[in-house]
């Protein structure tokens, strides 16, 4: 149920400084079946905080929530997991990636595995490429010092975009249990390789407060990947993400192979069929297909079948954190990242962090791609 922020929620909100004050409050309240601790803290103190909670007797029936970054590279991610699991077991740790709480992200497995229209064609025989874009119209917004030590690959590609990629390409899980879904995502990460990566930085970034004057941190990046398994052999996967883009949006594009054009090719090559999954804003799914334009000529035009949550459902779409926090209380880890996932993802990116020349791009402009790919124009949707 929802609380009115000014009344209901404030009536159950308490502030306690230090573990002693919290312990005193909990003793007054009596026994609890389970306590959840949300670590709104720098990652460097996750392990020490976990130790203090256990030392105070909060370990056995408690859970902890931690937010990214789950490490800075592969080595630090492994070390962080090792430190935290000294005090809390994996089933007690909830690593939040808020993208997994978004309604369209949760719908990906339903779209793929509950619809006989799509499941049989979700493979390299029919799919030409997979394209994932995540654009922001803003810059670092007061986070320049943090961002300069991170970059867009660490901030977006290694976590959020990897989760989207895994859900779009994973094999059917044995069941919908958390362990089975997370295991299927790990299998994707283990077969994934990065073929190439290019980095850019927006004009004026080095003049921002907190940024090194000779910074080589990327604010835009594009990557080409492949999954080395039977389903996705020959299918390139393209990722791009950046700041100060001309529009805001996160989309997944499935571009299908074109048919041999023996009947309708008089006017030249025809555009490919696409499926667009728009994660944000205005969540929805769009299916592009070719149709005859009304009239006496045999003219074909690409049109789109549109399904948006706004039009299809009366229910309000919950915020990502609403669903995720509710799942923590339920003890459901399905929409949370496992320690194994974080390590495999960092291992994949380790050789591409802070590597290669950084080019400059103008704010409000998408850099010209270095890949021979026909990027889907997501703005049309």
Foldseek 3Di string as FASTA:
>chain_A
DDDDPVPGVVVPDDDDPDPVRVVVVDVVVDDDQEEEAEPPDPLVCLLVVLVVCVVVPRQDRYAYEYEDPCAQFLVRNVVSVVSNCVRHPQLRYFYDDLLLLFPLLVCLLCVQPVDPVHVVQLFDVWFAAKEKEFEAQADCVPCLQVCLSHAPCSVDVLPPVLSSVLSSDFDDFPDLAQVRSQVRSLLQLVQKAWPDKAFADEPPSLVDPNHPVPGQGGQKMKTWMFGPDDGTPNYIYMYIYGYLALDGWIKMKTWTDDDPPPDPAPVHDDGTWMWMATRDDQGWIKTWDWDADDDDDRDIDIDIDIDTPVVPDPDDGDRSVVVVVVCVVVSGNNSGHGSSSSSSSSVNCNVPPSDDGYHYDYRHHDDDDPDPDDDDPPVVD
